[in-house]
Amino acid sequence: AGKAGRFIEQGGKQAMIKLVNAYAQHVPRVTETYRPIRRIRFTVFYGKGQRKHDKDAFDKVAKDAIKRAGIIVDDNTIWLEWEVALERDNAVKTHAVRLEIWDLEQGKPTQRKAKAS
């Protein structure tokens, strides 16, 4: 958990990188020989009376942090299936986050077609 809403408001790229590294400390990092295609869901929870942030505000900062942490090869659709979700949870006192990561395939980007936008 963390004060996710403040990452954007205070320009806290470093805080987001620390959060991603903490959540994904046991996730194998990308190397020259290990280049997985991954699915990642980044969920931000907000409680009663808290302001719901714009998903797009979290999108870029979270993707940049995940790439910088070495969890993904690249953030394009060839290497990454990505979802940002905002959910209300009245038990949450401050903003909280959940990061879920699945390996879909091991391979090269030419093995998978990009999705049409």
C-alpha atoms as a PDB file:
ATOM      1  CA  ALA A   1       0.000   0.000   0.000  1.00  0.00           C
ATOM      2  CA  GLY A   2       1.077   3.557  -0.531  1.00  0.00           C
ATOM      3  CA  LYS A   3      -0.144   7.075  -1.079  1.00  0.00           C
ATOM      4  CA  ALA A   4      -0.473   6.558  -4.802  1.00  0.00           C
ATOM      5  CA  GLY A   5      -2.369   9.762  -5.491  1.00  0.00           C
ATOM      6  CA  ARG A   6       0.574  11.837  -4.315  1.00  0.00           C
ATOM      7  CA  PHE A   7       2.940  10.282  -6.864  1.00  0.00           C
ATOM      8  CA  ILE A   8       1.355  12.288  -9.642  1.00  0.00           C
ATOM      9  CA  GLU A   9       0.550  15.428  -7.672  1.00  0.00           C
ATOM     10  CA  GLN A  10       4.090  15.752  -6.321  1.00  0.00           C
ATOM     11  CA  GLY A  11       5.878  14.499  -9.435  1.00  0.00           C
ATOM     12  CA  GLY A  12       7.158  11.499  -7.511  1.00  0.00           C
ATOM     13  CA  LYS A  13       8.639   9.301 -10.218  1.00  0.00           C
ATOM     14  CA  GLN A  14      11.229   8.098  -7.711  1.00  0.00           C
ATOM     15  CA  ALA A  15       8.475   7.134  -5.248  1.00  0.00           C
ATOM     16  CA  MET A  16       6.718   5.129  -7.975  1.00  0.00           C
ATOM     17  CA  ILE A  17       9.980   3.363  -8.870  1.00  0.00           C
ATOM     18  CA  LYS A  18      10.490   2.443  -5.190  1.00  0.00           C
ATOM     19  CA  LEU A  19       6.915   1.163  -4.999  1.00  0.00           C
ATOM     20  CA  VAL A  20       7.324  -0.977  -8.134  1.00  0.00           C
ATOM     21  CA  ASN A  21      10.642  -2.382  -6.902  1.00  0.00           C
ATOM     22  CA  ALA A  22       9.088  -3.261  -3.532  1.00  0.00           C
ATOM     23  CA  TYR A  23       6.088  -4.990  -5.099  1.00  0.00           C
ATOM     24  CA  ALA A  24       8.097  -6.813  -7.733  1.00  0.00           C
ATOM     25  CA  GLN A  25      11.192  -7.770  -5.771  1.00  0.00           C
ATOM     26  CA  HIS A  26      10.687 -11.463  -6.607  1.00  0.00           C
ATOM     27  CA  VAL A  27       9.750 -10.931 -10.264  1.00  0.00           C
ATOM     28  CA  PRO A  28      12.501 -12.053 -12.671  1.00  0.00           C
ATOM     29  CA  ARG A  29      14.001  -9.086 -14.487  1.00  0.00           C
ATOM     30  CA  VAL A  30      14.369  -8.845 -18.243  1.00  0.00           C
ATOM     31  CA  THR A  31      17.778  -9.893 -19.603  1.00  0.00           C
ATOM     32  CA  GLU A  32      19.252 -10.548 -23.049  1.00  0.00           C
ATOM     33  CA  THR A  33      18.145 -14.185 -22.797  1.00  0.00           C
ATOM     34  CA  TYR A  34      14.950 -13.737 -20.744  1.00  0.00           C
ATOM     35  CA  ARG A  35      12.537 -11.452 -22.591  1.00  0.00           C
ATOM     36  CA  PRO A  36       8.986 -12.284 -21.471  1.00  0.00           C
ATOM     37  CA  ILE A  37       5.776 -10.873 -22.823  1.00  0.00           C
ATOM     38  CA  ARG A  38       3.885  -9.790 -19.729  1.00  0.00           C
ATOM     39  CA  ARG A  39       0.415  -8.820 -18.615  1.00  0.00           C
ATOM     40  CA  ILE A  40       0.332  -6.217 -15.859  1.00  0.00           C
ATOM     41  CA  ARG A  41      -2.606  -4.797 -13.942  1.00  0.00           C
ATOM     42  CA  PHE A  42      -1.962  -1.709 -11.803  1.00  0.00           C
ATOM     43  CA  THR A  43      -4.907  -1.066  -9.466  1.00  0.00           C
ATOM     44  CA  VAL A  44      -5.312   2.099  -7.393  1.00  0.00           C
ATOM     45  CA  PHE A  45      -7.759   1.879  -4.490  1.00  0.00           C
ATOM     46  CA  TYR A  46      -9.356   4.948  -2.976  1.00  0.00           C
ATOM     47  CA  GLY A  47     -11.592   5.186   0.071  1.00  0.00           C
ATOM     48  CA  LYS A  48     -14.788   6.977   0.919  1.00  0.00           C
ATOM     49  CA  GLY A  49     -14.359  10.726   0.579  1.00  0.00           C
ATOM     50  CA  GLN A  50     -11.102  10.431  -1.368  1.00  0.00           C
ATOM     51  CA  ARG A  51     -10.680  11.969  -4.779  1.00  0.00           C
ATOM     52  CA  LYS A  52     -10.700   9.527  -7.673  1.00  0.00           C
ATOM     53  CA  HIS A  53      -7.678  10.230  -9.877  1.00  0.00           C
ATOM     54  CA  ASP A  54      -7.578  10.066 -13.653  1.00  0.00           C
ATOM     55  CA  LYS A  55      -6.325   6.677 -14.903  1.00  0.00           C
ATOM     56  CA  ASP A  56      -4.149   8.369 -17.520  1.00  0.00           C
ATOM     57  CA  ALA A  57      -2.252  10.182 -14.761  1.00  0.00           C
ATOM     58  CA  PHE A  58      -1.049   6.855 -13.356  1.00  0.00           C
ATOM     59  CA  ASP A  59      -0.547   5.186 -16.731  1.00  0.00           C
ATOM     60  CA  LYS A  60       2.659   6.862 -17.889  1.00  0.00           C
ATOM     61  CA  VAL A  61       4.348   7.116 -14.491  1.00  0.00           C
ATOM     62  CA  ALA A  62       3.615   3.469 -13.647  1.00  0.00           C
ATOM     63  CA  LYS A  63       4.751   2.173 -17.062  1.00  0.00           C
ATOM     64  CA  ASP A  64       7.956   4.195 -16.866  1.00  0.00           C
ATOM     65  CA  ALA A  65       8.686   2.832 -13.375  1.00  0.00           C
ATOM     66  CA  ILE A  66       7.994  -0.749 -14.450  1.00  0.00           C
ATOM     67  CA  LYS A  67      10.268  -0.399 -17.488  1.00  0.00           C
ATOM     68  CA  ARG A  68      13.001   1.295 -15.464  1.00  0.00           C
ATOM     69  CA  ALA A  69      12.838  -1.530 -12.896  1.00  0.00           C
ATOM     70  CA  GLY A  70      13.585  -4.015 -15.694  1.00  0.00           C
ATOM     71  CA  ILE A  71      10.267  -5.843 -15.409  1.00  0.00           C
ATOM     72  CA  ILE A  72       9.267  -5.312 -19.044  1.00  0.00           C
ATOM     73  CA  VAL A  73      11.214  -5.233 -22.303  1.00  0.00           C
ATOM     74  CA  ASP A  74       9.217  -2.280 -23.589  1.00  0.00           C
ATOM     75  CA  ASP A  75       5.805  -0.743 -22.936  1.00  0.00           C
ATOM     76  CA  ASN A  76       4.422  -1.230 -26.444  1.00  0.00           C
ATOM     77  CA  THR A  77       1.665  -3.778 -27.093  1.00  0.00           C
ATOM     78  CA  ILE A  78       4.096  -6.289 -28.566  1.00  0.00           C
ATOM     79  CA  TRP A  79       5.682  -6.859 -25.148  1.00  0.00           C
ATOM     80  CA  LEU A  80       2.983  -5.741 -22.726  1.00  0.00           C
ATOM     81  CA  GLU A  81      -0.713  -6.177 -22.034  1.00  0.00           C
ATOM     82  CA  TRP A  82      -1.473  -3.294 -19.668  1.00  0.00           C
ATOM     83  CA  GLU A  83      -4.398  -2.275 -17.502  1.00  0.00           C
ATOM     84  CA  VAL A  84      -4.836   0.513 -14.983  1.00  0.00           C
ATOM     85  CA  ALA A  85      -7.891   0.227 -12.755  1.00  0.00           C
ATOM     86  CA  LEU A  86      -9.349   2.571 -10.144  1.00  0.00           C
ATOM     87  CA  GLU A  87     -11.474   0.901  -7.468  1.00  0.00           C
ATOM     88  CA  ARG A  88     -13.337   2.240  -4.454  1.00  0.00           C
ATOM     89  CA  ASP A  89     -12.667   0.426  -1.190  1.00  0.00           C
ATOM     90  CA  ASN A  90     -14.309   2.022   1.845  1.00  0.00           C
ATOM     91  CA  ALA A  91     -11.871   0.188   4.148  1.00  0.00           C
ATOM     92  CA  VAL A  92      -8.953   2.138   2.631  1.00  0.00           C
ATOM     93  CA  LYS A  93      -7.934   5.201   4.659  1.00  0.00           C
ATOM     94  CA  THR A  94      -5.310   6.458   2.166  1.00  0.00           C
ATOM     95  CA  HIS A  95      -4.764   5.555  -1.467  1.00  0.00           C
ATOM     96  CA  ALA A  96      -3.429   2.020  -1.863  1.00  0.00           C
ATOM     97  CA  VAL A  97      -2.127   0.153  -4.884  1.00  0.00           C
ATOM     98  CA  ARG A  98      -1.869  -3.415  -6.139  1.00  0.00           C
ATOM     99  CA  LEU A  99       0.503  -4.534  -8.878  1.00  0.00           C
ATOM    100  CA  GLU A 100      -0.194  -7.879 -10.560  1.00  0.00           C
ATOM    101  CA  ILE A 101       2.237  -9.373 -13.073  1.00  0.00           C
ATOM    102  CA  TRP A 102       1.801 -12.452 -15.281  1.00  0.00           C
ATOM    103  CA  ASP A 103       4.249 -13.914 -17.800  1.00  0.00           C
ATOM    104  CA  LEU A 104       2.373 -14.722 -21.006  1.00  0.00           C
ATOM    105  CA  GLU A 105       5.163 -15.895 -23.300  1.00  0.00           C
ATOM    106  CA  GLN A 106       8.909 -15.989 -23.631  1.00  0.00           C
ATOM    107  CA  GLY A 107      10.127 -14.793 -26.971  1.00  0.00           C
ATOM    108  CA  LYS A 108      11.004 -12.148 -29.454  1.00  0.00           C
ATOM    109  CA  PRO A 109       8.723  -9.271 -30.451  1.00  0.00           C
ATOM    110  CA  THR A 110       8.335 -10.657 -33.964  1.00  0.00           C
ATOM    111  CA  GLN A 111       6.522 -13.687 -32.536  1.00  0.00           C
ATOM    112  CA  ARG A 112       3.525 -11.600 -31.550  1.00  0.00           C
ATOM    113  CA  LYS A 113       1.536  -9.091 -33.552  1.00  0.00           C
ATOM    114  CA  ALA A 114       0.748  -5.681 -32.120  1.00  0.00           C
ATOM    115  CA  LYS A 115      -2.881  -5.043 -31.292  1.00  0.00           C
ATOM    116  CA  ALA A 116      -4.731  -2.488 -33.371  1.00  0.00           C
ATOM    117  CA  SER A 117      -5.441   0.700 -31.457  1.00  0.00           C
END
